[in-house]
Amino acid sequence: MPRGLATRNRIKQAALELFVAKGVLGTSVRDIAALAGIAEGGLYRHYASKEDLAWKLFSENYAGFAKELSDLAKAKGNFESRLGAMIHRFCRFFDEEPLLFRFLLLTQHQELPKLKSKSQSPVQVLHRLVSDAARNGEIAVADIDLATAQLLGLILQPATFMVYGLLTPGMQKVEAETLAACLKTTTPTDKILPLQGEGRIGAVGDGSVKAVRRRPPPGLPPEGGRRSA
């Protein structure tokens, strides 16, 4: 490996460890250089600043992970199989590269607002999967944005618990349970039981959903009707 590339890799690894432990704002160039075993001036030969290093470390890896998820989301199969493949990639990523996973998906820092609106992200990929499945009639959800947020929370929260020692490490060990929990937040359209007359989608006790008739509040006429004189 060329010497310059080896140094660059040491800088990135040192920065990653410190950014996760102390945050970008709490980390100094001196901290990074010391951990990487180089002089402070050596860092500037590879990166313009600490902020430049943080942005490149974030944006390059974030986009790369999103691309992997996007490929899985576009693969053949139904909603469950594609969501399962994406969850498997999330779990394997955490188990194999926990520091990078934490930096990209769990650490709150100032890099997220820098993403352009058209930039691909894991959130956008998951949102598109849910939206496409709903549009194709595979699932029924009342709010695409809310469903996406719920799914992402179910995927990431076990990782957060593992980081803080509240769950035994190993995301792939809980992969099946995570998928099952995610599927419960959506409803296959073949379980929707329509009622006669106008209605909306509503939940029933067994976890499925069916159309339920709208009833106006007392004193108001039915939808589309008029109050009698």
C-alpha atoms as a PDB file:
ATOM      1  CA  MET A   1       0.000   0.000   0.000  1.00  0.00           C
ATOM      2  CA  PRO A   2       1.410   3.431  -0.928  1.00  0.00           C
ATOM      3  CA  ARG A   3       2.600   5.399   2.086  1.00  0.00           C
ATOM      4  CA  GLY A   4       0.229   8.297   1.440  1.00  0.00           C
ATOM      5  CA  LEU A   5      -2.785   5.996   1.248  1.00  0.00           C
ATOM      6  CA  ALA A   6      -1.787   4.221   4.464  1.00  0.00           C
ATOM      7  CA  THR A   7      -1.518   7.563   6.255  1.00  0.00           C
ATOM      8  CA  ARG A   8      -4.862   8.670   4.892  1.00  0.00           C
ATOM      9  CA  ASN A   9      -6.486   5.455   6.144  1.00  0.00           C
ATOM     10  CA  ARG A  10      -4.985   5.973   9.615  1.00  0.00           C
ATOM     11  CA  ILE A  11      -6.355   9.506   9.689  1.00  0.00           C
ATOM     12  CA  LYS A  12      -9.830   8.323   8.704  1.00  0.00           C
ATOM     13  CA  GLN A  13      -9.830   5.535  11.293  1.00  0.00           C
ATOM     14  CA  ALA A  14      -8.630   7.864  14.047  1.00  0.00           C
ATOM     15  CA  ALA A  15     -11.209  10.486  13.106  1.00  0.00           C
ATOM     16  CA  LEU A  16     -13.978   7.910  13.036  1.00  0.00           C
ATOM     17  CA  GLU A  17     -13.162   6.668  16.534  1.00  0.00           C
ATOM     18  CA  LEU A  18     -13.004  10.187  17.933  1.00  0.00           C
ATOM     19  CA  PHE A  19     -16.078  11.489  16.133  1.00  0.00           C
ATOM     20  CA  VAL A  20     -18.132   8.620  17.527  1.00  0.00           C
ATOM     21  CA  ALA A  21     -16.731   9.001  21.046  1.00  0.00           C
ATOM     22  CA  LYS A  22     -16.595  12.802  21.324  1.00  0.00           C
ATOM     23  CA  GLY A  23     -18.588  14.159  18.402  1.00  0.00           C
ATOM     24  CA  VAL A  24     -17.191  16.250  15.563  1.00  0.00           C
ATOM     25  CA  LEU A  25     -17.344  19.462  17.563  1.00  0.00           C
ATOM     26  CA  GLY A  26     -15.640  17.869  20.554  1.00  0.00           C
ATOM     27  CA  THR A  27     -12.740  16.531  18.487  1.00  0.00           C
ATOM     28  CA  SER A  28      -9.701  18.626  17.557  1.00  0.00           C
ATOM     29  CA  VAL A  29      -7.178  18.249  14.760  1.00  0.00           C
ATOM     30  CA  ARG A  30      -4.577  17.622  17.459  1.00  0.00           C
ATOM     31  CA  ASP A  31      -6.656  14.726  18.801  1.00  0.00           C
ATOM     32  CA  ILE A  32      -6.918  13.130  15.364  1.00  0.00           C
ATOM     33  CA  ALA A  33      -3.245  13.595  14.528  1.00  0.00           C
ATOM     34  CA  ALA A  34      -2.148  12.150  17.871  1.00  0.00           C
ATOM     35  CA  LEU A  35      -4.294   9.043  17.510  1.00  0.00           C
ATOM     36  CA  ALA A  36      -3.201   8.578  13.889  1.00  0.00           C
ATOM     37  CA  GLY A  37       0.463   8.924  14.905  1.00  0.00           C
ATOM     38  CA  ILE A  38       1.238  11.877  12.651  1.00  0.00           C
ATOM     39  CA  ALA A  39       2.076  15.551  13.038  1.00  0.00           C
ATOM     40  CA  GLU A  40      -0.812  18.019  12.840  1.00  0.00           C
ATOM     41  CA  GLY A  41       0.615  19.384   9.605  1.00  0.00           C
ATOM     42  CA  GLY A  42       0.447  15.898   8.122  1.00  0.00           C
ATOM     43  CA  LEU A  43      -3.337  15.892   8.359  1.00  0.00           C
ATOM     44  CA  TYR A  44      -3.581  19.072   6.306  1.00  0.00           C
ATOM     45  CA  ARG A  45      -1.724  17.405   3.444  1.00  0.00           C
ATOM     46  CA  HIS A  46      -4.737  15.138   3.031  1.00  0.00           C
ATOM     47  CA  TYR A  47      -7.672  17.240   4.226  1.00  0.00           C
ATOM     48  CA  ALA A  48      -8.307  20.982   4.180  1.00  0.00           C
ATOM     49  CA  SER A  49      -9.704  20.966   7.715  1.00  0.00           C
ATOM     50  CA  LYS A  50     -11.315  18.840  10.387  1.00  0.00           C
ATOM     51  CA  GLU A  51     -14.695  19.789   8.927  1.00  0.00           C
ATOM     52  CA  ASP A  52     -13.577  18.695   5.460  1.00  0.00           C
ATOM     53  CA  LEU A  53     -12.474  15.346   6.895  1.00  0.00           C
ATOM     54  CA  ALA A  54     -15.782  14.865   8.731  1.00  0.00           C
ATOM     55  CA  TRP A  55     -17.830  15.720   5.650  1.00  0.00           C
ATOM     56  CA  LYS A  56     -15.924  13.392   3.337  1.00  0.00           C
ATOM     57  CA  LEU A  57     -15.992  10.576   5.858  1.00  0.00           C
ATOM     58  CA  PHE A  58     -19.739  11.006   6.219  1.00  0.00           C
ATOM     59  CA  SER A  59     -20.911  11.797   2.694  1.00  0.00           C
ATOM     60  CA  GLU A  60     -18.887   9.152   0.845  1.00  0.00           C
ATOM     61  CA  ASN A  61     -19.889   6.320   3.162  1.00  0.00           C
ATOM     62  CA  TYR A  62     -23.494   7.475   3.596  1.00  0.00           C
ATOM     63  CA  ALA A  63     -24.045   7.566  -0.150  1.00  0.00           C
ATOM     64  CA  GLY A  64     -22.357   4.193  -0.581  1.00  0.00           C
ATOM     65  CA  PHE A  65     -24.579   2.529   2.003  1.00  0.00           C
ATOM     66  CA  ALA A  66     -27.673   4.131   0.487  1.00  0.00           C
ATOM     67  CA  LYS A  67     -26.680   2.762  -2.926  1.00  0.00           C
ATOM     68  CA  GLU A  68     -26.443  -0.758  -1.500  1.00  0.00           C
ATOM     69  CA  LEU A  69     -29.885  -0.443   0.064  1.00  0.00           C
ATOM     70  CA  SER A  70     -31.297   0.980  -3.158  1.00  0.00           C
ATOM     71  CA  ASP A  71     -30.052  -2.017  -5.128  1.00  0.00           C
ATOM     72  CA  LEU A  72     -31.744  -4.346  -2.638  1.00  0.00           C
ATOM     73  CA  ALA A  73     -34.969  -2.347  -2.776  1.00  0.00           C
ATOM     74  CA  LYS A  74     -35.030  -2.612  -6.571  1.00  0.00           C
ATOM     75  CA  ALA A  75     -34.447  -6.374  -6.605  1.00  0.00           C
ATOM     76  CA  LYS A  76     -37.190  -8.785  -7.628  1.00  0.00           C
ATOM     77  CA  GLY A  77     -39.543  -9.948  -4.929  1.00  0.00           C
ATOM     78  CA  ASN A  78     -42.394  -8.742  -2.786  1.00  0.00           C
ATOM     79  CA  PHE A  79     -42.324  -6.049  -0.108  1.00  0.00           C
ATOM     80  CA  GLU A  80     -41.464  -8.499   2.675  1.00  0.00           C
ATOM     81  CA  SER A  81     -38.500 -10.035   0.849  1.00  0.00           C
ATOM     82  CA  ARG A  82     -37.028  -6.685  -0.185  1.00  0.00           C
ATOM     83  CA  LEU A  83     -37.515  -5.164   3.267  1.00  0.00           C
ATOM     84  CA  GLY A  84     -35.957  -8.299   4.760  1.00  0.00           C
ATOM     85  CA  ALA A  85     -32.910  -7.935   2.524  1.00  0.00           C
ATOM     86  CA  MET A  86     -32.506  -4.310   3.557  1.00  0.00           C
ATOM     87  CA  ILE A  87     -32.811  -5.162   7.253  1.00  0.00           C
ATOM     88  CA  HIS A  88     -30.203  -7.895   6.801  1.00  0.00           C
ATOM     89  CA  ARG A  89     -27.813  -5.319   5.323  1.00  0.00           C
ATOM     90  CA  PHE A  90     -28.432  -2.927   8.231  1.00  0.00           C
ATOM     91  CA  CYS A  91     -27.754  -5.724  10.718  1.00  0.00           C
ATOM     92  CA  ARG A  92     -24.627  -6.968   8.983  1.00  0.00           C
ATOM     93  CA  PHE A  93     -23.303  -3.423   8.704  1.00  0.00           C
ATOM     94  CA  PHE A  94     -23.659  -2.916  12.458  1.00  0.00           C
ATOM     95  CA  ASP A  95     -22.004  -6.238  13.290  1.00  0.00           C
ATOM     96  CA  GLU A  96     -19.107  -5.836  10.845  1.00  0.00           C
ATOM     97  CA  GLU A  97     -18.426  -2.089  11.047  1.00  0.00           C
ATOM     98  CA  PRO A  98     -19.946  -0.839  14.309  1.00  0.00           C
ATOM     99  CA  LEU A  99     -17.984   2.429  14.422  1.00  0.00           C
ATOM    100  CA  LEU A 100     -18.930   3.466  10.895  1.00  0.00           C
ATOM    101  CA  PHE A 101     -22.528   2.388  11.491  1.00  0.00           C
ATOM    102  CA  ARG A 102     -22.707   4.542  14.615  1.00  0.00           C
ATOM    103  CA  PHE A 103     -21.110   7.515  12.883  1.00  0.00           C
ATOM    104  CA  LEU A 104     -23.460   7.402   9.894  1.00  0.00           C
ATOM    105  CA  LEU A 105     -26.735   6.353  11.500  1.00  0.00           C
ATOM    106  CA  LEU A 106     -26.663   6.918  15.253  1.00  0.00           C
ATOM    107  CA  THR A 107     -24.383   9.896  15.894  1.00  0.00           C
ATOM    108  CA  GLN A 108     -26.115  13.256  15.641  1.00  0.00           C
ATOM    109  CA  HIS A 109     -23.780  15.767  14.054  1.00  0.00           C
ATOM    110  CA  GLN A 110     -23.817  18.684  11.648  1.00  0.00           C
ATOM    111  CA  GLU A 111     -23.239  16.696   8.456  1.00  0.00           C
ATOM    112  CA  LEU A 112     -26.870  15.736   7.776  1.00  0.00           C
ATOM    113  CA  PRO A 113     -28.065  19.269   6.940  1.00  0.00           C
ATOM    114  CA  LYS A 114     -25.319  19.509   4.319  1.00  0.00           C
ATOM    115  CA  LEU A 115     -26.877  16.774   2.212  1.00  0.00           C
ATOM    116  CA  LYS A 116     -28.536  18.086  -0.914  1.00  0.00           C
ATOM    117  CA  SER A 117     -32.242  17.393  -1.205  1.00  0.00           C
ATOM    118  CA  LYS A 118     -31.615  15.147  -4.202  1.00  0.00           C
ATOM    119  CA  SER A 119     -28.881  13.169  -2.465  1.00  0.00           C
ATOM    120  CA  GLN A 120     -29.782   9.542  -1.961  1.00  0.00           C
ATOM    121  CA  SER A 121     -29.991   8.452   1.666  1.00  0.00           C
ATOM    122  CA  PRO A 122     -31.053   5.297   3.541  1.00  0.00           C
ATOM    123  CA  VAL A 123     -34.170   7.167   4.687  1.00  0.00           C
ATOM    124  CA  GLN A 124     -35.152   8.060   1.123  1.00  0.00           C
ATOM    125  CA  VAL A 125     -34.585   4.479  -0.026  1.00  0.00           C
ATOM    126  CA  LEU A 126     -36.804   3.091   2.734  1.00  0.00           C
ATOM    127  CA  HIS A 127     -39.433   5.747   2.044  1.00  0.00           C
ATOM    128  CA  ARG A 128     -39.471   4.838  -1.637  1.00  0.00           C
ATOM    129  CA  LEU A 129     -39.853   1.133  -0.819  1.00  0.00           C
ATOM    130  CA  VAL A 130     -42.869   1.821   1.397  1.00  0.00           C
ATOM    131  CA  SER A 131     -44.364   4.265  -1.101  1.00  0.00           C
ATOM    132  CA  ASP A 132     -43.987   1.859  -4.027  1.00  0.00           C
ATOM    133  CA  ALA A 133     -45.450  -1.040  -2.055  1.00  0.00           C
ATOM    134  CA  ALA A 134     -48.450   1.074  -1.060  1.00  0.00           C
ATOM    135  CA  ARG A 135     -48.974   2.330  -4.606  1.00  0.00           C
ATOM    136  CA  ASN A 136     -48.741  -1.215  -5.990  1.00  0.00           C
ATOM    137  CA  GLY A 137     -51.343  -2.435  -3.522  1.00  0.00           C
ATOM    138  CA  GLU A 138     -48.986  -4.695  -1.518  1.00  0.00           C
ATOM    139  CA  ILE A 139     -49.506  -2.888   1.787  1.00  0.00           C
ATOM    140  CA  ALA A 140     -51.932  -0.409   3.321  1.00  0.00           C
ATOM    141  CA  VAL A 141     -50.546   2.449   5.400  1.00  0.00           C
ATOM    142  CA  ALA A 142     -52.274   5.646   6.420  1.00  0.00           C
ATOM    143  CA  ASP A 143     -49.179   7.852   6.223  1.00  0.00           C
ATOM    144  CA  ILE A 144     -46.071   6.995   4.177  1.00  0.00           C
ATOM    145  CA  ASP A 145     -43.799   9.361   6.116  1.00  0.00           C
ATOM    146  CA  LEU A 146     -44.942   8.032   9.478  1.00  0.00           C
ATOM    147  CA  ALA A 147     -44.628   4.411   8.345  1.00  0.00           C
ATOM    148  CA  THR A 148     -41.065   5.092   7.152  1.00  0.00           C
ATOM    149  CA  ALA A 149     -40.160   6.692  10.490  1.00  0.00           C
ATOM    150  CA  GLN A 150     -41.626   3.756  12.402  1.00  0.00           C
ATOM    151  CA  LEU A 151     -39.765   1.189  10.315  1.00  0.00           C
ATOM    152  CA  LEU A 152     -36.469   3.035  10.672  1.00  0.00           C
ATOM    153  CA  GLY A 153     -36.954   3.295  14.413  1.00  0.00           C
ATOM    154  CA  LEU A 154     -37.601  -0.432  14.712  1.00  0.00           C
ATOM    155  CA  ILE A 155     -34.412  -1.128  12.759  1.00  0.00           C
ATOM    156  CA  LEU A 156     -32.103   1.325  14.523  1.00  0.00           C
ATOM    157  CA  GLN A 157     -33.313   1.210  18.125  1.00  0.00           C
ATOM    158  CA  PRO A 158     -31.942  -2.287  18.849  1.00  0.00           C
ATOM    159  CA  ALA A 159     -28.540  -1.051  17.651  1.00  0.00           C
ATOM    160  CA  THR A 160     -28.761   1.900  20.048  1.00  0.00           C
ATOM    161  CA  PHE A 161     -29.579  -0.452  22.925  1.00  0.00           C
ATOM    162  CA  MET A 162     -26.587  -2.626  22.008  1.00  0.00           C
ATOM    163  CA  VAL A 163     -24.275   0.389  21.981  1.00  0.00           C
ATOM    164  CA  TYR A 164     -25.365   1.286  25.526  1.00  0.00           C
ATOM    165  CA  GLY A 165     -25.195  -2.289  26.808  1.00  0.00           C
ATOM    166  CA  LEU A 166     -28.948  -2.710  27.128  1.00  0.00           C
ATOM    167  CA  LEU A 167     -29.020  -5.584  24.635  1.00  0.00           C
ATOM    168  CA  THR A 168     -26.475  -8.288  23.920  1.00  0.00           C
ATOM    169  CA  PRO A 169     -24.464  -7.243  20.834  1.00  0.00           C
ATOM    170  CA  GLY A 170     -25.311  -8.937  17.560  1.00  0.00           C
ATOM    171  CA  MET A 171     -27.863  -7.308  15.286  1.00  0.00           C
ATOM    172  CA  GLN A 172     -28.039 -10.342  13.022  1.00  0.00           C
ATOM    173  CA  LYS A 173     -29.272 -12.364  16.003  1.00  0.00           C
ATOM    174  CA  VAL A 174     -32.423 -10.234  16.179  1.00  0.00           C
ATOM    175  CA  GLU A 175     -32.874  -9.855  12.426  1.00  0.00           C
ATOM    176  CA  ALA A 176     -35.948 -12.088  12.196  1.00  0.00           C
ATOM    177  CA  GLU A 177     -37.637 -10.367  15.147  1.00  0.00           C
ATOM    178  CA  THR A 178     -36.874  -6.967  13.634  1.00  0.00           C
ATOM    179  CA  LEU A 179     -38.441  -7.921  10.314  1.00  0.00           C
ATOM    180  CA  ALA A 180     -41.517  -9.333  12.061  1.00  0.00           C
ATOM    181  CA  ALA A 181     -41.950  -6.124  14.056  1.00  0.00           C
ATOM    182  CA  CYS A 182     -41.585  -4.013  10.919  1.00  0.00           C
ATOM    183  CA  LEU A 183     -44.199  -6.032   9.062  1.00  0.00           C
ATOM    184  CA  LYS A 184     -46.667  -5.431  11.874  1.00  0.00           C
ATOM    185  CA  THR A 185     -46.555  -1.699  11.161  1.00  0.00           C
ATOM    186  CA  THR A 186     -47.893  -2.313   7.669  1.00  0.00           C
ATOM    187  CA  THR A 187     -50.874  -4.381   6.580  1.00  0.00           C
ATOM    188  CA  PRO A 188     -51.019  -6.579   3.478  1.00  0.00           C
ATOM    189  CA  THR A 189     -53.923  -5.440   1.332  1.00  0.00           C
ATOM    190  CA  ASP A 190     -55.368  -8.940   1.203  1.00  0.00           C
ATOM    191  CA  LYS A 191     -56.255  -8.535   4.916  1.00  0.00           C
ATOM    192  CA  ILE A 192     -58.356  -5.420   4.374  1.00  0.00           C
ATOM    193  CA  LEU A 193     -62.043  -6.228   4.757  1.00  0.00           C
ATOM    194  CA  PRO A 194     -64.233  -3.548   3.134  1.00  0.00           C
ATOM    195  CA  LEU A 195     -67.617  -2.705   4.612  1.00  0.00           C
ATOM    196  CA  GLN A 196     -70.569  -1.583   2.589  1.00  0.00           C
ATOM    197  CA  GLY A 197     -70.921   2.149   2.072  1.00  0.00           C
ATOM    198  CA  GLU A 198     -68.338   4.882   2.400  1.00  0.00           C
ATOM    199  CA  GLY A 199     -65.622   4.196   4.892  1.00  0.00           C
ATOM    200  CA  ARG A 200     -62.010   4.561   5.792  1.00  0.00           C
ATOM    201  CA  ILE A 201     -59.286   2.104   6.733  1.00  0.00           C
ATOM    202  CA  GLY A 202     -59.285   1.228  10.410  1.00  0.00           C
ATOM    203  CA  ALA A 203     -57.637  -1.315  12.693  1.00  0.00           C
ATOM    204  CA  VAL A 204     -59.423  -4.192  14.374  1.00  0.00           C
ATOM    205  CA  GLY A 205     -58.516  -6.202  17.429  1.00  0.00           C
ATOM    206  CA  ASP A 206     -56.665  -9.031  15.683  1.00  0.00           C
ATOM    207  CA  GLY A 207     -54.094  -6.693  14.155  1.00  0.00           C
ATOM    208  CA  SER A 208     -55.650  -6.605  10.691  1.00  0.00           C
ATOM    209  CA  VAL A 209     -57.434  -3.595   9.273  1.00  0.00           C
ATOM    210  CA  LYS A 210     -60.776  -3.088   7.609  1.00  0.00           C
ATOM    211  CA  ALA A 211     -62.856  -0.242   6.288  1.00  0.00           C
ATOM    212  CA  VAL A 212     -65.009   1.375   8.931  1.00  0.00           C
ATOM    213  CA  ARG A 213     -67.902   3.697   8.249  1.00  0.00           C
ATOM    214  CA  ARG A 214     -67.355   7.367   9.074  1.00  0.00           C
ATOM    215  CA  ARG A 215     -69.785   8.751  11.612  1.00  0.00           C
ATOM    216  CA  PRO A 216     -70.123  12.543  11.896  1.00  0.00           C
ATOM    217  CA  PRO A 217     -69.923  14.149  15.342  1.00  0.00           C
ATOM    218  CA  PRO A 218     -73.297  14.781  17.027  1.00  0.00           C
ATOM    219  CA  GLY A 219     -75.121  17.715  15.487  1.00  0.00           C
ATOM    220  CA  LEU A 220     -73.335  17.507  12.115  1.00  0.00           C
ATOM    221  CA  PRO A 221     -74.862  16.082   8.923  1.00  0.00           C
ATOM    222  CA  PRO A 222     -73.302  13.053   7.175  1.00  0.00           C
ATOM    223  CA  GLU A 223     -70.491  13.813   4.736  1.00  0.00           C
ATOM    224  CA  GLY A 224     -71.925  15.283   1.556  1.00  0.00           C
ATOM    225  CA  GLY A 225     -75.317  15.787   3.136  1.00  0.00           C
ATOM    226  CA  ARG A 226     -77.178  18.772   4.462  1.00  0.00           C
ATOM    227  CA  ARG A 227     -78.592  19.518   7.851  1.00  0.00           C
ATOM    228  CA  SER A 228     -82.365  19.196   7.793  1.00  0.00           C
ATOM    229  CA  ALA A 229     -84.322  22.381   8.445  1.00  0.00           C
END
